[in-house]
Amino acid sequence: MLFTEHVEVHRAPLAPTAYTNHRDWQQAVRVWSGRASVQPDRSFEARSPARETAQERLVLYLPAGADVDSADRVLWRGLWFEVDGEPARWAQGSLSHVRIRAWRVVR
């Protein structure tokens, strides 16, 4: 596994609203930055008279010490992706790493 791509992980604080809390991405901070292995996962297209959208998905392998959470966003090659699900941490031997899935919607 070669960590050749520069990736940043950003985290936003929870902000209260009238009925619930949401992530305030205007106040997001970078929590991790470094090299990762970025692999294409799959893409989907949904076409309707109302809108056309495509979804791009990636699998990222980060070093074992990377600080990443399921509510974070990833910046890769100038594009923002949302972390999808809990990061999978593998701490066995010399292949220790964190695997995450990320996605973004293109309109």
PDB file of N, CA and C in Angstrom:
ATOM      1  N   MET A   1       0.849  -1.166   0.000  1.00  0.00           N
ATOM      2  CA  MET A   1       0.000   0.000   0.000  1.00  0.00           C
ATOM      3  C   MET A   1       0.899   1.234   0.000  1.00  0.00           C
ATOM      4  N   LEU A   2       0.799   2.033  -1.011  1.00  0.00           N
ATOM      5  CA  LEU A   2       1.615   3.236  -1.115  1.00  0.00           C
ATOM      6  C   LEU A   2       0.793   4.457  -0.729  1.00  0.00           C
ATOM      7  N   PHE A   3       1.300   5.223   0.216  1.00  0.00           N
ATOM      8  CA  PHE A   3       0.639   6.449   0.629  1.00  0.00           C
ATOM      9  C   PHE A   3       1.233   7.588  -0.195  1.00  0.00           C
ATOM     10  N   THR A   4       0.640   7.886  -1.350  1.00  0.00           N
ATOM     11  CA  THR A   4       1.210   8.860  -2.268  1.00  0.00           C
ATOM     12  C   THR A   4       0.359  10.115  -2.450  1.00  0.00           C
ATOM     13  N   GLU A   5      -0.878  10.114  -1.993  1.00  0.00           N
ATOM     14  CA  GLU A   5      -1.777  11.247  -2.210  1.00  0.00           C
ATOM     15  C   GLU A   5      -1.891  12.092  -0.939  1.00  0.00           C
ATOM     16  N   HIS A   6      -1.864  13.419  -1.102  1.00  0.00           N
ATOM     17  CA  HIS A   6      -2.042  14.306   0.052  1.00  0.00           C
ATOM     18  C   HIS A   6      -3.538  14.423   0.368  1.00  0.00           C
ATOM     19  N   VAL A   7      -3.888  14.211   1.638  1.00  0.00           N
ATOM     20  CA  VAL A   7      -5.275  14.239   2.104  1.00  0.00           C
ATOM     21  C   VAL A   7      -5.337  15.057   3.381  1.00  0.00           C
ATOM     22  N   GLU A   8      -6.436  15.796   3.542  1.00  0.00           N
ATOM     23  CA  GLU A   8      -6.701  16.511   4.791  1.00  0.00           C
ATOM     24  C   GLU A   8      -8.035  16.048   5.357  1.00  0.00           C
ATOM     25  N   VAL A   9      -8.107  15.913   6.680  1.00  0.00           N
ATOM     26  CA  VAL A   9      -9.347  15.571   7.372  1.00  0.00           C
ATOM     27  C   VAL A   9      -9.782  16.794   8.157  1.00  0.00           C
ATOM     28  N   HIS A  10     -11.046  17.216   7.963  1.00  0.00           N
ATOM     29  CA  HIS A  10     -11.586  18.396   8.633  1.00  0.00           C
ATOM     30  C   HIS A  10     -12.770  17.993   9.504  1.00  0.00           C
ATOM     31  N   ARG A  11     -12.914  18.696  10.628  1.00  0.00           N
ATOM     32  CA  ARG A  11     -13.985  18.398  11.583  1.00  0.00           C
ATOM     33  C   ARG A  11     -14.701  19.700  11.932  1.00  0.00           C
ATOM     34  N   ALA A  12     -16.028  19.639  11.997  1.00  0.00           N
ATOM     35  CA  ALA A  12     -16.831  20.814  12.316  1.00  0.00           C
ATOM     36  C   ALA A  12     -17.515  20.627  13.667  1.00  0.00           C
ATOM     37  N   PRO A  13     -17.636  21.711  14.444  1.00  0.00           N
ATOM     38  CA  PRO A  13     -18.333  21.611  15.727  1.00  0.00           C
ATOM     39  C   PRO A  13     -19.844  21.526  15.527  1.00  0.00           C
ATOM     40  N   LEU A  14     -20.521  20.986  16.532  1.00  0.00           N
ATOM     41  CA  LEU A  14     -21.982  20.957  16.506  1.00  0.00           C
ATOM     42  C   LEU A  14     -22.522  22.328  16.877  1.00  0.00           C
ATOM     43  N   ALA A  15     -23.497  22.805  16.132  1.00  0.00           N
ATOM     44  CA  ALA A  15     -24.122  24.096  16.408  1.00  0.00           C
ATOM     45  C   ALA A  15     -25.608  23.862  16.651  1.00  0.00           C
ATOM     46  N   PRO A  16     -26.152  24.406  17.729  1.00  0.00           N
ATOM     47  CA  PRO A  16     -27.574  24.207  18.009  1.00  0.00           C
ATOM     48  C   PRO A  16     -28.447  25.047  17.084  1.00  0.00           C
ATOM     49  N   THR A  17     -29.598  24.491  16.721  1.00  0.00           N
ATOM     50  CA  THR A  17     -30.611  25.229  15.978  1.00  0.00           C
ATOM     51  C   THR A  17     -31.897  25.150  16.793  1.00  0.00           C
ATOM     52  N   ALA A  18     -32.983  25.617  16.241  1.00  0.00           N
ATOM     53  CA  ALA A  18     -34.246  25.638  16.981  1.00  0.00           C
ATOM     54  C   ALA A  18     -34.706  24.239  17.382  1.00  0.00           C
ATOM     55  N   TYR A  19     -34.446  23.232  16.547  1.00  0.00           N
ATOM     56  CA  TYR A  19     -34.986  21.905  16.805  1.00  0.00           C
ATOM     57  C   TYR A  19     -33.935  20.819  17.009  1.00  0.00           C
ATOM     58  N   THR A  20     -32.730  21.044  16.528  1.00  0.00           N
ATOM     59  CA  THR A  20     -31.710  19.995  16.578  1.00  0.00           C
ATOM     60  C   THR A  20     -30.320  20.624  16.517  1.00  0.00           C
ATOM     61  N   ASN A  21     -29.305  19.819  16.377  1.00  0.00           N
ATOM     62  CA  ASN A  21     -27.938  20.290  16.169  1.00  0.00           C
ATOM     63  C   ASN A  21     -27.492  19.926  14.758  1.00  0.00           C
ATOM     64  N   HIS A  22     -26.600  20.714  14.216  1.00  0.00           N
ATOM     65  CA  HIS A  22     -26.021  20.397  12.912  1.00  0.00           C
ATOM     66  C   HIS A  22     -24.542  20.765  12.942  1.00  0.00           C
ATOM     67  N   ARG A  23     -23.783  20.252  11.998  1.00  0.00           N
ATOM     68  CA  ARG A  23     -22.361  20.575  11.893  1.00  0.00           C
ATOM     69  C   ARG A  23     -22.209  21.941  11.226  1.00  0.00           C
ATOM     70  N   ASP A  24     -21.441  22.814  11.841  1.00  0.00           N
ATOM     71  CA  ASP A  24     -21.179  24.138  11.298  1.00  0.00           C
ATOM     72  C   ASP A  24     -19.881  24.084  10.496  1.00  0.00           C
ATOM     73  N   TRP A  25     -19.975  23.829   9.198  1.00  0.00           N
ATOM     74  CA  TRP A  25     -18.791  23.649   8.359  1.00  0.00           C
ATOM     75  C   TRP A  25     -18.078  24.967   8.076  1.00  0.00           C
ATOM     76  N   GLN A  26     -18.692  26.085   8.420  1.00  0.00           N
ATOM     77  CA  GLN A  26     -17.984  27.373   8.314  1.00  0.00           C
ATOM     78  C   GLN A  26     -16.918  27.497   9.402  1.00  0.00           C
ATOM     79  N   GLN A  27     -17.060  26.729  10.485  1.00  0.00           N
ATOM     80  CA  GLN A  27     -16.123  26.767  11.613  1.00  0.00           C
ATOM     81  C   GLN A  27     -15.225  25.527  11.666  1.00  0.00           C
ATOM     82  N   ALA A  28     -15.178  24.769  10.594  1.00  0.00           N
ATOM     83  CA  ALA A  28     -14.405  23.516  10.571  1.00  0.00           C
ATOM     84  C   ALA A  28     -12.910  23.775  10.731  1.00  0.00           C
ATOM     85  N   VAL A  29     -12.238  22.814  11.346  1.00  0.00           N
ATOM     86  CA  VAL A  29     -10.787  22.890  11.516  1.00  0.00           C
ATOM     87  C   VAL A  29     -10.150  21.607  10.974  1.00  0.00           C
ATOM     88  N   ARG A  30      -8.931  21.737  10.491  1.00  0.00           N
ATOM     89  CA  ARG A  30      -8.193  20.567  10.018  1.00  0.00           C
ATOM     90  C   ARG A  30      -7.679  19.806  11.232  1.00  0.00           C
ATOM     91  N   VAL A  31      -8.009  18.499  11.296  1.00  0.00           N
ATOM     92  CA  VAL A  31      -7.559  17.681  12.426  1.00  0.00           C
ATOM     93  C   VAL A  31      -6.444  16.721  12.038  1.00  0.00           C
ATOM     94  N   TRP A  32      -6.271  16.500  10.739  1.00  0.00           N
ATOM     95  CA  TRP A  32      -5.186  15.633  10.279  1.00  0.00           C
ATOM     96  C   TRP A  32      -4.852  15.991   8.846  1.00  0.00           C
ATOM     97  N   SER A  33      -3.569  15.894   8.520  1.00  0.00           N
ATOM     98  CA  SER A  33      -3.094  16.156   7.168  1.00  0.00           C
ATOM     99  C   SER A  33      -1.902  15.238   6.914  1.00  0.00           C
ATOM    100  N   GLY A  34      -1.877  14.613   5.761  1.00  0.00           N
ATOM    101  CA  GLY A  34      -0.758  13.745   5.443  1.00  0.00           C
ATOM    102  C   GLY A  34      -0.999  12.939   4.188  1.00  0.00           C
ATOM    103  N   ARG A  35      -0.188  11.924   4.004  1.00  0.00           N
ATOM    104  CA  ARG A  35      -0.255  11.068   2.821  1.00  0.00           C
ATOM    105  C   ARG A  35      -1.202   9.898   3.050  1.00  0.00           C
ATOM    106  N   ALA A  36      -1.882   9.512   1.984  1.00  0.00           N
ATOM    107  CA  ALA A  36      -2.838   8.404   2.040  1.00  0.00           C
ATOM    108  C   ALA A  36      -2.839   7.683   0.703  1.00  0.00           C
ATOM    109  N   SER A  37      -3.403   6.491   0.709  1.00  0.00           N
ATOM    110  CA  SER A  37      -3.662   5.767  -0.529  1.00  0.00           C
ATOM    111  C   SER A  37      -5.136   5.973  -0.863  1.00  0.00           C
ATOM    112  N   VAL A  38      -5.413   6.537  -2.026  1.00  0.00           N
ATOM    113  CA  VAL A  38      -6.787   6.839  -2.428  1.00  0.00           C
ATOM    114  C   VAL A  38      -7.137   5.951  -3.614  1.00  0.00           C
ATOM    115  N   GLN A  39      -8.211   5.185  -3.472  1.00  0.00           N
ATOM    116  CA  GLN A  39      -8.642   4.242  -4.505  1.00  0.00           C
ATOM    117  C   GLN A  39     -10.080   4.540  -4.915  1.00  0.00           C
ATOM    118  N   PRO A  40     -10.399   4.436  -6.194  1.00  0.00           N
ATOM    119  CA  PRO A  40     -11.796   4.611  -6.592  1.00  0.00           C
ATOM    120  C   PRO A  40     -12.636   3.456  -6.060  1.00  0.00           C
ATOM    121  N   ASP A  41     -13.870   3.753  -5.682  1.00  0.00           N
ATOM    122  CA  ASP A  41     -14.764   2.712  -5.195  1.00  0.00           C
ATOM    123  C   ASP A  41     -15.819   2.426  -6.258  1.00  0.00           C
ATOM    124  N   ARG A  42     -16.759   3.327  -6.415  1.00  0.00           N
ATOM    125  CA  ARG A  42     -17.778   3.166  -7.449  1.00  0.00           C
ATOM    126  C   ARG A  42     -18.490   4.497  -7.624  1.00  0.00           C
ATOM    127  N   SER A  43     -19.306   4.590  -8.640  1.00  0.00           N
ATOM    128  CA  SER A  43     -20.079   5.810  -8.862  1.00  0.00           C
ATOM    129  C   SER A  43     -21.496   5.430  -9.265  1.00  0.00           C
ATOM    130  N   PHE A  44     -22.421   6.334  -8.975  1.00  0.00           N
ATOM    131  CA  PHE A  44     -23.826   6.122  -9.290  1.00  0.00           C
ATOM    132  C   PHE A  44     -24.349   7.357  -9.996  1.00  0.00           C
ATOM    133  N   GLU A  45     -25.349   7.167 -10.855  1.00  0.00           N
ATOM    134  CA  GLU A  45     -26.027   8.291 -11.477  1.00  0.00           C
ATOM    135  C   GLU A  45     -27.512   8.128 -11.263  1.00  0.00           C
ATOM    136  N   ALA A  46     -28.175   9.236 -10.965  1.00  0.00           N
ATOM    137  CA  ALA A  46     -29.627   9.254 -10.820  1.00  0.00           C
ATOM    138  C   ALA A  46     -30.154  10.361 -11.719  1.00  0.00           C
ATOM    139  N   ARG A  47     -30.938   9.972 -12.686  1.00  0.00           N
ATOM    140  CA  ARG A  47     -31.475  10.964 -13.621  1.00  0.00           C
ATOM    141  C   ARG A  47     -32.981  11.027 -13.465  1.00  0.00           C
ATOM    142  N   SER A  48     -33.467  12.233 -13.425  1.00  0.00           N
ATOM    143  CA  SER A  48     -34.902  12.467 -13.370  1.00  0.00           C
ATOM    144  C   SER A  48     -35.163  13.805 -14.039  1.00  0.00           C
ATOM    145  N   PRO A  49     -36.406  14.096 -14.373  1.00  0.00           N
ATOM    146  CA  PRO A  49     -36.689  15.411 -14.969  1.00  0.00           C
ATOM    147  C   PRO A  49     -36.345  16.563 -14.027  1.00  0.00           C
ATOM    148  N   ALA A  50     -36.370  16.309 -12.716  1.00  0.00           N
ATOM    149  CA  ALA A  50     -36.104  17.371 -11.749  1.00  0.00           C
ATOM    150  C   ALA A  50     -34.613  17.690 -11.638  1.00  0.00           C
ATOM    151  N   ARG A  51     -33.760  16.658 -11.692  1.00  0.00           N
ATOM    152  CA  ARG A  51     -32.322  16.907 -11.555  1.00  0.00           C
ATOM    153  C   ARG A  51     -31.527  15.683 -11.988  1.00  0.00           C
ATOM    154  N   GLU A  52     -30.290  15.940 -12.340  1.00  0.00           N
ATOM    155  CA  GLU A  52     -29.349  14.870 -12.635  1.00  0.00           C
ATOM    156  C   GLU A  52     -28.238  14.952 -11.603  1.00  0.00           C
ATOM    157  N   THR A  53     -27.948  13.857 -10.957  1.00  0.00           N
ATOM    158  CA  THR A  53     -26.864  13.835  -9.985  1.00  0.00           C
ATOM    159  C   THR A  53     -26.007  12.593 -10.199  1.00  0.00           C
ATOM    160  N   ALA A  54     -24.788  12.701  -9.787  1.00  0.00           N
ATOM    161  CA  ALA A  54     -23.874  11.567  -9.793  1.00  0.00           C
ATOM    162  C   ALA A  54     -23.203  11.523  -8.425  1.00  0.00           C
ATOM    163  N   GLN A  55     -22.915  10.331  -7.980  1.00  0.00           N
ATOM    164  CA  GLN A  55     -22.259  10.144  -6.700  1.00  0.00           C
ATOM    165  C   GLN A  55     -20.928   9.453  -6.937  1.00  0.00           C
ATOM    166  N   GLU A  56     -19.868  10.058  -6.425  1.00  0.00           N
ATOM    167  CA  GLU A  56     -18.527   9.485  -6.544  1.00  0.00           C
ATOM    168  C   GLU A  56     -18.106   8.963  -5.178  1.00  0.00           C
ATOM    169  N   ARG A  57     -17.574   7.745  -5.151  1.00  0.00           N
ATOM    170  CA  ARG A  57     -17.167   7.134  -3.890  1.00  0.00           C
ATOM    171  C   ARG A  57     -15.704   6.709  -3.964  1.00  0.00           C
ATOM    172  N   LEU A  58     -15.003   6.865  -2.836  1.00  0.00           N
ATOM    173  CA  LEU A  58     -13.592   6.504  -2.733  1.00  0.00           C
ATOM    174  C   LEU A  58     -13.367   5.619  -1.514  1.00  0.00           C
ATOM    175  N   VAL A  59     -12.288   4.852  -1.555  1.00  0.00           N
ATOM    176  CA  VAL A  59     -11.775   4.163  -0.377  1.00  0.00           C
ATOM    177  C   VAL A  59     -10.399   4.758  -0.109  1.00  0.00           C
ATOM    178  N   LEU A  60     -10.192   5.227   1.126  1.00  0.00           N
ATOM    179  CA  LEU A  60      -8.926   5.840   1.504  1.00  0.00           C
ATOM    180  C   LEU A  60      -8.275   5.012   2.597  1.00  0.00           C
ATOM    181  N   TYR A  61      -6.984   4.812   2.455  1.00  0.00           N
ATOM    182  CA  TYR A  61      -6.179   4.134   3.470  1.00  0.00           C
ATOM    183  C   TYR A  61      -5.237   5.173   4.058  1.00  0.00           C
ATOM    184  N   LEU A  62      -5.410   5.446   5.353  1.00  0.00           N
ATOM    185  CA  LEU A  62      -4.610   6.441   6.056  1.00  0.00           C
ATOM    186  C   LEU A  62      -3.656   5.743   7.017  1.00  0.00           C
ATOM    187  N   PRO A  63      -2.580   6.409   7.415  1.00  0.00           N
ATOM    188  CA  PRO A  63      -1.692   5.818   8.424  1.00  0.00           C
ATOM    189  C   PRO A  63      -2.454   5.546   9.724  1.00  0.00           C
ATOM    190  N   ALA A  64      -1.970   4.612  10.508  1.00  0.00           N
ATOM    191  CA  ALA A  64      -2.671   4.154  11.708  1.00  0.00           C
ATOM    192  C   ALA A  64      -2.971   5.275  12.693  1.00  0.00           C
ATOM    193  N   GLY A  65      -2.150   6.285  12.779  1.00  0.00           N
ATOM    194  CA  GLY A  65      -2.360   7.357  13.741  1.00  0.00           C
ATOM    195  C   GLY A  65      -3.271   8.476  13.269  1.00  0.00           C
ATOM    196  N   ALA A  66      -3.868   8.347  12.101  1.00  0.00           N
ATOM    197  CA  ALA A  66      -4.704   9.418  11.554  1.00  0.00           C
ATOM    198  C   ALA A  66      -5.951   9.626  12.412  1.00  0.00           C
ATOM    199  N   ASP A  67      -6.258  10.885  12.691  1.00  0.00           N
ATOM    200  CA  ASP A  67      -7.433  11.249  13.469  1.00  0.00           C
ATOM    201  C   ASP A  67      -8.587  11.473  12.501  1.00  0.00           C
ATOM    202  N   VAL A  68      -9.510  10.521  12.431  1.00  0.00           N
ATOM    203  CA  VAL A  68     -10.652  10.627  11.532  1.00  0.00           C
ATOM    204  C   VAL A  68     -11.869  10.009  12.204  1.00  0.00           C
ATOM    205  N   ASP A  69     -13.037  10.621  11.972  1.00  0.00           N
ATOM    206  CA  ASP A  69     -14.290  10.191  12.592  1.00  0.00           C
ATOM    207  C   ASP A  69     -15.374  10.116  11.517  1.00  0.00           C
ATOM    208  N   SER A  70     -16.462   9.459  11.830  1.00  0.00           N
ATOM    209  CA  SER A  70     -17.528   9.255  10.849  1.00  0.00           C
ATOM    210  C   SER A  70     -18.224  10.552  10.436  1.00  0.00           C
ATOM    211  N   ALA A  71     -18.112  11.618  11.215  1.00  0.00           N
ATOM    212  CA  ALA A  71     -18.768  12.883  10.883  1.00  0.00           C
ATOM    213  C   ALA A  71     -17.833  13.876  10.200  1.00  0.00           C
ATOM    214  N   ASP A  72     -16.632  13.457   9.850  1.00  0.00           N
ATOM    215  CA  ASP A  72     -15.634  14.351   9.255  1.00  0.00           C
ATOM    216  C   ASP A  72     -15.800  14.471   7.746  1.00  0.00           C
ATOM    217  N   ARG A  73     -15.075  15.412   7.193  1.00  0.00           N
ATOM    218  CA  ARG A  73     -14.974  15.561   5.738  1.00  0.00           C
ATOM    219  C   ARG A  73     -13.507  15.461   5.344  1.00  0.00           C
ATOM    220  N   VAL A  74     -13.283  15.007   4.117  1.00  0.00           N
ATOM    221  CA  VAL A  74     -11.937  14.805   3.593  1.00  0.00           C
ATOM    222  C   VAL A  74     -11.744  15.713   2.386  1.00  0.00           C
ATOM    223  N   LEU A  75     -10.605  16.377   2.338  1.00  0.00           N
ATOM    224  CA  LEU A  75     -10.239  17.202   1.191  1.00  0.00           C
ATOM    225  C   LEU A  75      -9.149  16.483   0.417  1.00  0.00           C
ATOM    226  N   TRP A  76      -9.442  16.169  -0.847  1.00  0.00           N
ATOM    227  CA  TRP A  76      -8.491  15.457  -1.701  1.00  0.00           C
ATOM    228  C   TRP A  76      -8.541  16.077  -3.089  1.00  0.00           C
ATOM    229  N   ARG A  77      -7.396  16.519  -3.581  1.00  0.00           N
ATOM    230  CA  ARG A  77      -7.277  17.143  -4.906  1.00  0.00           C
ATOM    231  C   ARG A  77      -8.269  18.298  -5.099  1.00  0.00           C
ATOM    232  N   GLY A  78      -8.500  19.055  -4.021  1.00  0.00           N
ATOM    233  CA  GLY A  78      -9.389  20.211  -4.098  1.00  0.00           C
ATOM    234  C   GLY A  78     -10.872  19.880  -4.040  1.00  0.00           C
ATOM    235  N   LEU A  79     -11.223  18.616  -3.833  1.00  0.00           N
ATOM    236  CA  LEU A  79     -12.619  18.193  -3.772  1.00  0.00           C
ATOM    237  C   LEU A  79     -12.969  17.735  -2.361  1.00  0.00           C
ATOM    238  N   TRP A  80     -14.165  18.073  -1.912  1.00  0.00           N
ATOM    239  CA  TRP A  80     -14.635  17.674  -0.590  1.00  0.00           C
ATOM    240  C   TRP A  80     -15.436  16.383  -0.665  1.00  0.00           C
ATOM    241  N   PHE A  81     -15.118  15.460   0.230  1.00  0.00           N
ATOM    242  CA  PHE A  81     -15.824  14.190   0.354  1.00  0.00           C
ATOM    243  C   PHE A  81     -16.261  14.024   1.805  1.00  0.00           C
ATOM    244  N   GLU A  82     -17.412  13.406   2.023  1.00  0.00           N
ATOM    245  CA  GLU A  82     -17.878  13.119   3.376  1.00  0.00           C
ATOM    246  C   GLU A  82     -17.514  11.692   3.744  1.00  0.00           C
ATOM    247  N   VAL A  83     -17.049  11.505   4.977  1.00  0.00           N
ATOM    248  CA  VAL A  83     -16.744  10.157   5.462  1.00  0.00           C
ATOM    249  C   VAL A  83     -18.058   9.405   5.586  1.00  0.00           C
ATOM    250  N   ASP A  84     -18.081   8.184   5.080  1.00  0.00           N
ATOM    251  CA  ASP A  84     -19.283   7.350   5.076  1.00  0.00           C
ATOM    252  C   ASP A  84     -19.093   6.188   6.044  1.00  0.00           C
ATOM    253  N   GLY A  85     -19.710   6.265   7.214  1.00  0.00           N
ATOM    254  CA  GLY A  85     -19.614   5.191   8.191  1.00  0.00           C
ATOM    255  C   GLY A  85     -18.403   5.340   9.090  1.00  0.00           C
ATOM    256  N   GLU A  86     -18.256   4.379   9.982  1.00  0.00           N
ATOM    257  CA  GLU A  86     -17.150   4.405  10.935  1.00  0.00           C
ATOM    258  C   GLU A  86     -15.840   4.000  10.252  1.00  0.00           C
ATOM    259  N   PRO A  87     -14.761   4.681  10.568  1.00  0.00           N
ATOM    260  CA  PRO A  87     -13.449   4.266  10.048  1.00  0.00           C
ATOM    261  C   PRO A  87     -13.086   2.876  10.573  1.00  0.00           C
ATOM    262  N   ALA A  88     -12.481   2.070   9.724  1.00  0.00           N
ATOM    263  CA  ALA A  88     -12.038   0.724  10.109  1.00  0.00           C
ATOM    264  C   ALA A  88     -10.555   0.794  10.445  1.00  0.00           C
ATOM    265  N   ARG A  89     -10.227   0.469  11.674  1.00  0.00           N
ATOM    266  CA  ARG A  89      -8.838   0.551  12.129  1.00  0.00           C
ATOM    267  C   ARG A  89      -8.218  -0.847  12.147  1.00  0.00           C
ATOM    268  N   TRP A  90      -7.072  -0.977  11.508  1.00  0.00           N
ATOM    269  CA  TRP A  90      -6.348  -2.247  11.450  1.00  0.00           C
ATOM    270  C   TRP A  90      -5.006  -2.022  12.123  1.00  0.00           C
ATOM    271  N   ALA A  91      -4.797  -2.679  13.266  1.00  0.00           N
ATOM    272  CA  ALA A  91      -3.589  -2.433  14.065  1.00  0.00           C
ATOM    273  C   ALA A  91      -2.724  -3.677  14.184  1.00  0.00           C
ATOM    274  N   GLN A  92      -2.658  -4.482  13.150  1.00  0.00           N
ATOM    275  CA  GLN A  92      -1.882  -5.723  13.183  1.00  0.00           C
ATOM    276  C   GLN A  92      -0.579  -5.564  12.415  1.00  0.00           C
ATOM    277  N   GLY A  93       0.520  -5.799  13.085  1.00  0.00           N
ATOM    278  CA  GLY A  93       1.819  -5.856  12.414  1.00  0.00           C
ATOM    279  C   GLY A  93       2.225  -4.584  11.714  1.00  0.00           C
ATOM    280  N   SER A  94       2.983  -4.741  10.641  1.00  0.00           N
ATOM    281  CA  SER A  94       3.534  -3.599   9.927  1.00  0.00           C
ATOM    282  C   SER A  94       2.529  -2.986   8.949  1.00  0.00           C
ATOM    283  N   LEU A  95       1.368  -3.584   8.791  1.00  0.00           N
ATOM    284  CA  LEU A  95       0.352  -3.063   7.868  1.00  0.00           C
ATOM    285  C   LEU A  95      -0.721  -2.247   8.570  1.00  0.00           C
ATOM    286  N   SER A  96      -0.413  -1.700   9.733  1.00  0.00           N
ATOM    287  CA  SER A  96      -1.390  -0.903  10.474  1.00  0.00           C
ATOM    288  C   SER A  96      -1.874   0.264   9.630  1.00  0.00           C
ATOM    289  N   HIS A  97      -3.194   0.479   9.621  1.00  0.00           N
ATOM    290  CA  HIS A  97      -3.766   1.572   8.844  1.00  0.00           C
ATOM    291  C   HIS A  97      -5.210   1.826   9.279  1.00  0.00           C
ATOM    292  N   VAL A  98      -5.780   2.888   8.751  1.00  0.00           N
ATOM    293  CA  VAL A  98      -7.194   3.221   8.939  1.00  0.00           C
ATOM    294  C   VAL A  98      -7.814   3.272   7.555  1.00  0.00           C
ATOM    295  N   ARG A  99      -8.902   2.521   7.368  1.00  0.00           N
ATOM    296  CA  ARG A  99      -9.596   2.533   6.073  1.00  0.00           C
ATOM    297  C   ARG A  99     -10.906   3.282   6.232  1.00  0.00           C
ATOM    298  N   ILE A 100     -11.149   4.238   5.340  1.00  0.00           N
ATOM    299  CA  ILE A 100     -12.421   4.935   5.347  1.00  0.00           C
ATOM    300  C   ILE A 100     -13.013   4.922   3.948  1.00  0.00           C
ATOM    301  N   ARG A 101     -14.315   5.016   3.922  1.00  0.00           N
ATOM    302  CA  ARG A 101     -15.041   5.218   2.657  1.00  0.00           C
ATOM    303  C   ARG A 101     -15.529   6.653   2.666  1.00  0.00           C
ATOM    304  N   ALA A 102     -15.475   7.290   1.510  1.00  0.00           N
ATOM    305  CA  ALA A 102     -15.892   8.684   1.394  1.00  0.00           C
ATOM    306  C   ALA A 102     -16.719   8.849   0.125  1.00  0.00           C
ATOM    307  N   TRP A 103     -17.594   9.834   0.140  1.00  0.00           N
ATOM    308  CA  TRP A 103     -18.458  10.061  -1.029  1.00  0.00           C
ATOM    309  C   TRP A 103     -18.719  11.549  -1.210  1.00  0.00           C
ATOM    310  N   ARG A 104     -19.093  11.908  -2.434  1.00  0.00           N
ATOM    311  CA  ARG A 104     -19.545  13.257  -2.744  1.00  0.00           C
ATOM    312  C   ARG A 104     -20.577  13.176  -3.849  1.00  0.00           C
ATOM    313  N   VAL A 105     -21.447  14.174  -3.904  1.00  0.00           N
ATOM    314  CA  VAL A 105     -22.491  14.243  -4.911  1.00  0.00           C
ATOM    315  C   VAL A 105     -22.141  15.356  -5.896  1.00  0.00           C
ATOM    316  N   VAL A 106     -22.258  15.043  -7.169  1.00  0.00           N
ATOM    317  CA  VAL A 106     -22.018  16.011  -8.231  1.00  0.00           C
ATOM    318  C   VAL A 106     -23.352  16.287  -8.908  1.00  0.00           C
ATOM    319  N   ARG A 107     -23.689  17.551  -9.005  1.00  0.00           N
ATOM    320  CA  ARG A 107     -24.963  17.933  -9.645  1.00  0.00           C
ATOM    321  C   ARG A 107     -24.707  18.469 -11.021  1.00  0.00           C
TER     322      ARG A 107
END
